[in-house]
Amino acid sequence: VAAAAAWNPGWVAGRFAAHQNELTDALSYYQATTNATSGPIRANPYELIRDMHDHAKQWDYVSQASALKGHPLLLIAGTADTPDEGVERETQLQQAIHEKGGNQVQLVSFDDDESFSSHRLALADSLVEWLRTDCAKTQAGQTNPK
């Protein structure tokens, strides 16, 4: 898995009770970007918020560390990204995987925003290097790929 600026909806929803302004902001965002019949995202904003709340623990990707520990994982984050997908969230996932015994996780960070607009070539180089090394080793070791 390669995850660039990976949003953590579980972490976001876990903050709603203590940070009402974040809940209000999320609902406003979904109201502006969703439409149940036409899009661009076909969804009900209230149901999205309810689903995030109801599944906050399962949707916090740190809770999936055990499932990820045996897989090569490239985490890419920007230091100027939002707290829900920035370096701190990616570092939490990396540490959780290490605590579960995983050793195939690599974190790359750029002094940039979530689009990595100033580091596109370096981002591409990091991804290609990971595909050629950690990812390739795992793929070569699979004798019965699905």
C-alpha atoms as a PDB file:
ATOM      1  CA  VAL A   1       0.000   0.000   0.000  1.00  0.00           C
ATOM      2  CA  ALA A   2       1.206   3.476  -0.842  1.00  0.00           C
ATOM      3  CA  ALA A   3      -0.711   6.246   0.914  1.00  0.00           C
ATOM      4  CA  ALA A   4      -0.094   9.877   0.042  1.00  0.00           C
ATOM      5  CA  ALA A   5      -1.723  12.448   2.340  1.00  0.00           C
ATOM      6  CA  ALA A   6      -4.005   9.714   3.647  1.00  0.00           C
ATOM      7  CA  TRP A   7      -7.071  11.203   5.314  1.00  0.00           C
ATOM      8  CA  ASN A   8      -7.995   9.597   8.634  1.00  0.00           C
ATOM      9  CA  PRO A   9     -11.792   9.889   8.927  1.00  0.00           C
ATOM     10  CA  GLY A  10     -11.858   7.915  12.175  1.00  0.00           C
ATOM     11  CA  TRP A  11      -9.480  10.335  13.860  1.00  0.00           C
ATOM     12  CA  VAL A  12     -11.555  13.257  12.539  1.00  0.00           C
ATOM     13  CA  ALA A  13     -14.829  11.805  13.821  1.00  0.00           C
ATOM     14  CA  GLY A  14     -13.264  10.902  17.155  1.00  0.00           C
ATOM     15  CA  ARG A  15     -12.712  14.603  17.751  1.00  0.00           C
ATOM     16  CA  PHE A  16     -16.299  15.724  17.074  1.00  0.00           C
ATOM     17  CA  ALA A  17     -17.551  15.407  20.674  1.00  0.00           C
ATOM     18  CA  ALA A  18     -14.800  17.611  22.101  1.00  0.00           C
ATOM     19  CA  HIS A  19     -14.477  19.924  19.087  1.00  0.00           C
ATOM     20  CA  GLN A  20     -17.966  20.967  18.018  1.00  0.00           C
ATOM     21  CA  ASN A  21     -16.516  23.474  15.543  1.00  0.00           C
ATOM     22  CA  GLU A  22     -14.851  20.625  13.632  1.00  0.00           C
ATOM     23  CA  LEU A  23     -18.169  18.791  13.413  1.00  0.00           C
ATOM     24  CA  THR A  24     -19.833  21.964  12.138  1.00  0.00           C
ATOM     25  CA  ASP A  25     -17.055  22.515   9.591  1.00  0.00           C
ATOM     26  CA  ALA A  26     -17.237  18.909   8.364  1.00  0.00           C
ATOM     27  CA  LEU A  27     -21.007  19.074   7.975  1.00  0.00           C
ATOM     28  CA  SER A  28     -20.752  22.385   6.091  1.00  0.00           C
ATOM     29  CA  TYR A  29     -18.132  20.904   3.789  1.00  0.00           C
ATOM     30  CA  TYR A  30     -20.271  17.849   3.037  1.00  0.00           C
ATOM     31  CA  GLN A  31     -23.345  19.991   2.496  1.00  0.00           C
ATOM     32  CA  ALA A  32     -21.405  21.978  -0.098  1.00  0.00           C
ATOM     33  CA  THR A  33     -19.844  18.985  -1.866  1.00  0.00           C
ATOM     34  CA  THR A  34     -22.553  16.336  -1.828  1.00  0.00           C
ATOM     35  CA  ASN A  35     -25.935  15.899  -3.406  1.00  0.00           C
ATOM     36  CA  ALA A  36     -28.038  12.794  -2.937  1.00  0.00           C
ATOM     37  CA  THR A  37     -29.097  12.740  -6.591  1.00  0.00           C
ATOM     38  CA  SER A  38     -26.509  14.469  -8.758  1.00  0.00           C
ATOM     39  CA  GLY A  39     -23.082  14.853  -7.140  1.00  0.00           C
ATOM     40  CA  PRO A  40     -20.221  15.604  -7.516  1.00  0.00           C
ATOM     41  CA  ILE A  41     -20.447  13.176  -4.599  1.00  0.00           C
ATOM     42  CA  ARG A  42     -23.772  11.363  -4.314  1.00  0.00           C
ATOM     43  CA  ALA A  43     -24.381  11.228  -0.595  1.00  0.00           C
ATOM     44  CA  ASN A  44     -26.391  12.627   2.240  1.00  0.00           C
ATOM     45  CA  PRO A  45     -24.119  14.858   4.362  1.00  0.00           C
ATOM     46  CA  TYR A  46     -25.925  13.969   7.586  1.00  0.00           C
ATOM     47  CA  GLU A  47     -25.558  10.258   6.895  1.00  0.00           C
ATOM     48  CA  LEU A  48     -21.857  10.726   6.156  1.00  0.00           C
ATOM     49  CA  ILE A  49     -21.343  12.442   9.499  1.00  0.00           C
ATOM     50  CA  ARG A  50     -23.381   9.767  11.284  1.00  0.00           C
ATOM     51  CA  ASP A  51     -21.384   6.979   9.608  1.00  0.00           C
ATOM     52  CA  MET A  52     -18.119   8.685  10.551  1.00  0.00           C
ATOM     53  CA  HIS A  53     -19.297   8.961  14.145  1.00  0.00           C
ATOM     54  CA  ASP A  54     -20.639   5.395  14.324  1.00  0.00           C
ATOM     55  CA  HIS A  55     -17.481   3.875  12.834  1.00  0.00           C
ATOM     56  CA  ALA A  56     -14.839   6.243  14.218  1.00  0.00           C
ATOM     57  CA  LYS A  57     -12.778   3.510  15.895  1.00  0.00           C
ATOM     58  CA  GLN A  58     -12.840   1.149  12.900  1.00  0.00           C
ATOM     59  CA  TRP A  59     -12.177   3.964  10.414  1.00  0.00           C
ATOM     60  CA  ASP A  60      -9.168   5.272  12.336  1.00  0.00           C
ATOM     61  CA  TYR A  61      -6.453   3.649  10.266  1.00  0.00           C
ATOM     62  CA  VAL A  62      -4.198   3.337  13.300  1.00  0.00           C
ATOM     63  CA  SER A  63      -6.641   0.666  14.514  1.00  0.00           C
ATOM     64  CA  GLN A  64      -5.715  -1.384  11.437  1.00  0.00           C
ATOM     65  CA  ALA A  65      -2.025  -1.682  12.374  1.00  0.00           C
ATOM     66  CA  SER A  66      -2.279  -5.433  13.036  1.00  0.00           C
ATOM     67  CA  ALA A  67      -3.757  -6.058   9.609  1.00  0.00           C
ATOM     68  CA  LEU A  68      -1.097  -3.902   7.949  1.00  0.00           C
ATOM     69  CA  LYS A  69       1.955  -5.166   9.821  1.00  0.00           C
ATOM     70  CA  GLY A  70       2.840  -7.860   7.277  1.00  0.00           C
ATOM     71  CA  HIS A  71       2.535  -5.656   4.209  1.00  0.00           C
ATOM     72  CA  PRO A  72       4.956  -3.173   2.699  1.00  0.00           C
ATOM     73  CA  LEU A  73       3.568   0.285   3.300  1.00  0.00           C
ATOM     74  CA  LEU A  74       4.756   3.636   2.004  1.00  0.00           C
ATOM     75  CA  LEU A  75       3.350   6.617   3.883  1.00  0.00           C
ATOM     76  CA  ILE A  76       3.820  10.034   2.302  1.00  0.00           C
ATOM     77  CA  ALA A  77       2.945  13.204   4.186  1.00  0.00           C
ATOM     78  CA  GLY A  78       3.326  16.943   3.897  1.00  0.00           C
ATOM     79  CA  THR A  79       4.403  19.115   6.810  1.00  0.00           C
ATOM     80  CA  ALA A  80       1.947  21.832   5.712  1.00  0.00           C
ATOM     81  CA  ASP A  81      -0.992  19.450   5.385  1.00  0.00           C
ATOM     82  CA  THR A  82      -4.016  19.414   7.678  1.00  0.00           C
ATOM     83  CA  PRO A  83      -3.816  17.587  11.035  1.00  0.00           C
ATOM     84  CA  ASP A  84      -6.112  14.781   9.828  1.00  0.00           C
ATOM     85  CA  GLU A  85      -3.710  13.669   7.108  1.00  0.00           C
ATOM     86  CA  GLY A  86      -0.360  15.221   7.926  1.00  0.00           C
ATOM     87  CA  VAL A  87       2.923  13.929   9.273  1.00  0.00           C
ATOM     88  CA  GLU A  88       1.604  13.343  12.805  1.00  0.00           C
ATOM     89  CA  ARG A  89      -1.165  10.961  11.645  1.00  0.00           C
ATOM     90  CA  GLU A  90       1.222   9.056   9.381  1.00  0.00           C
ATOM     91  CA  THR A  91       3.777   8.822  12.186  1.00  0.00           C
ATOM     92  CA  GLN A  92       1.104   7.416  14.504  1.00  0.00           C
ATOM     93  CA  LEU A  93       0.329   4.694  11.979  1.00  0.00           C
ATOM     94  CA  GLN A  94       4.003   3.905  11.460  1.00  0.00           C
ATOM     95  CA  GLN A  95       4.569   3.596  15.217  1.00  0.00           C
ATOM     96  CA  ALA A  96       1.459   1.449  15.694  1.00  0.00           C
ATOM     97  CA  ILE A  97       2.617  -0.943  12.971  1.00  0.00           C
ATOM     98  CA  HIS A  98       6.070  -1.167  14.544  1.00  0.00           C
ATOM     99  CA  GLU A  99       4.466  -1.896  17.937  1.00  0.00           C
ATOM    100  CA  LYS A 100       2.558  -4.782  16.316  1.00  0.00           C
ATOM    101  CA  GLY A 101       5.795  -6.210  14.935  1.00  0.00           C
ATOM    102  CA  GLY A 102       5.655  -4.771  11.431  1.00  0.00           C
ATOM    103  CA  ASN A 103       8.899  -3.679   9.851  1.00  0.00           C
ATOM    104  CA  GLN A 104       7.939  -2.915   6.262  1.00  0.00           C
ATOM    105  CA  VAL A 105       6.613   0.609   6.746  1.00  0.00           C
ATOM    106  CA  GLN A 106       8.416   3.623   5.368  1.00  0.00           C
ATOM    107  CA  LEU A 107       7.447   7.253   6.057  1.00  0.00           C
ATOM    108  CA  VAL A 108       8.492   9.994   3.660  1.00  0.00           C
ATOM    109  CA  SER A 109       7.618  13.588   4.420  1.00  0.00           C
ATOM    110  CA  PHE A 110       7.967  16.719   2.358  1.00  0.00           C
ATOM    111  CA  ASP A 111       7.893  20.331   3.457  1.00  0.00           C
ATOM    112  CA  ASP A 112       4.758  20.829   1.399  1.00  0.00           C
ATOM    113  CA  ASP A 113       0.960  20.692   1.377  1.00  0.00           C
ATOM    114  CA  GLU A 114      -1.271  17.708   0.579  1.00  0.00           C
ATOM    115  CA  SER A 115      -0.863  18.082  -3.177  1.00  0.00           C
ATOM    116  CA  PHE A 116       2.942  18.051  -2.880  1.00  0.00           C
ATOM    117  CA  SER A 117       2.956  20.767  -5.531  1.00  0.00           C
ATOM    118  CA  SER A 118       6.578  21.738  -4.859  1.00  0.00           C
ATOM    119  CA  HIS A 119       7.844  18.161  -4.641  1.00  0.00           C
ATOM    120  CA  ARG A 120       6.157  16.225  -7.429  1.00  0.00           C
ATOM    121  CA  LEU A 121       9.394  14.843  -8.896  1.00  0.00           C
ATOM    122  CA  ALA A 122      10.736  13.862  -5.466  1.00  0.00           C
ATOM    123  CA  LEU A 123       7.370  12.255  -4.683  1.00  0.00           C
ATOM    124  CA  ALA A 124       7.494  10.278  -7.923  1.00  0.00           C
ATOM    125  CA  ASP A 125      11.086   9.227  -7.203  1.00  0.00           C
ATOM    126  CA  SER A 126      10.107   8.038  -3.700  1.00  0.00           C
ATOM    127  CA  LEU A 127       7.199   6.034  -5.056  1.00  0.00           C
ATOM    128  CA  VAL A 128       9.236   4.422  -7.839  1.00  0.00           C
ATOM    129  CA  GLU A 129      12.043   3.544  -5.407  1.00  0.00           C
ATOM    130  CA  TRP A 130       9.547   1.943  -3.009  1.00  0.00           C
ATOM    131  CA  LEU A 131       7.910   0.003  -5.863  1.00  0.00           C
ATOM    132  CA  ARG A 132      11.322  -1.294  -6.947  1.00  0.00           C
ATOM    133  CA  THR A 133      12.441  -2.281  -3.446  1.00  0.00           C
ATOM    134  CA  ASP A 134      10.045  -3.031  -0.576  1.00  0.00           C
ATOM    135  CA  CYS A 135       6.994  -3.605  -2.740  1.00  0.00           C
ATOM    136  CA  ALA A 136       8.882  -5.649  -5.358  1.00  0.00           C
ATOM    137  CA  LYS A 137      10.401  -7.931  -2.709  1.00  0.00           C
ATOM    138  CA  THR A 138       6.961  -8.799  -1.386  1.00  0.00           C
ATOM    139  CA  GLN A 139       5.508  -9.329  -4.849  1.00  0.00           C
ATOM    140  CA  ALA A 140       8.391 -11.621  -5.835  1.00  0.00           C
ATOM    141  CA  GLY A 141       7.826 -13.695  -2.693  1.00  0.00           C
ATOM    142  CA  GLN A 142       4.196 -14.421  -3.475  1.00  0.00           C
ATOM    143  CA  THR A 143       3.814 -17.886  -4.891  1.00  0.00           C
ATOM    144  CA  ASN A 144       0.040 -17.800  -5.191  1.00  0.00           C
ATOM    145  CA  PRO A 145      -1.082 -14.217  -5.894  1.00  0.00           C
ATOM    146  CA  LYS A 146      -4.801 -13.550  -5.780  1.00  0.00           C
END
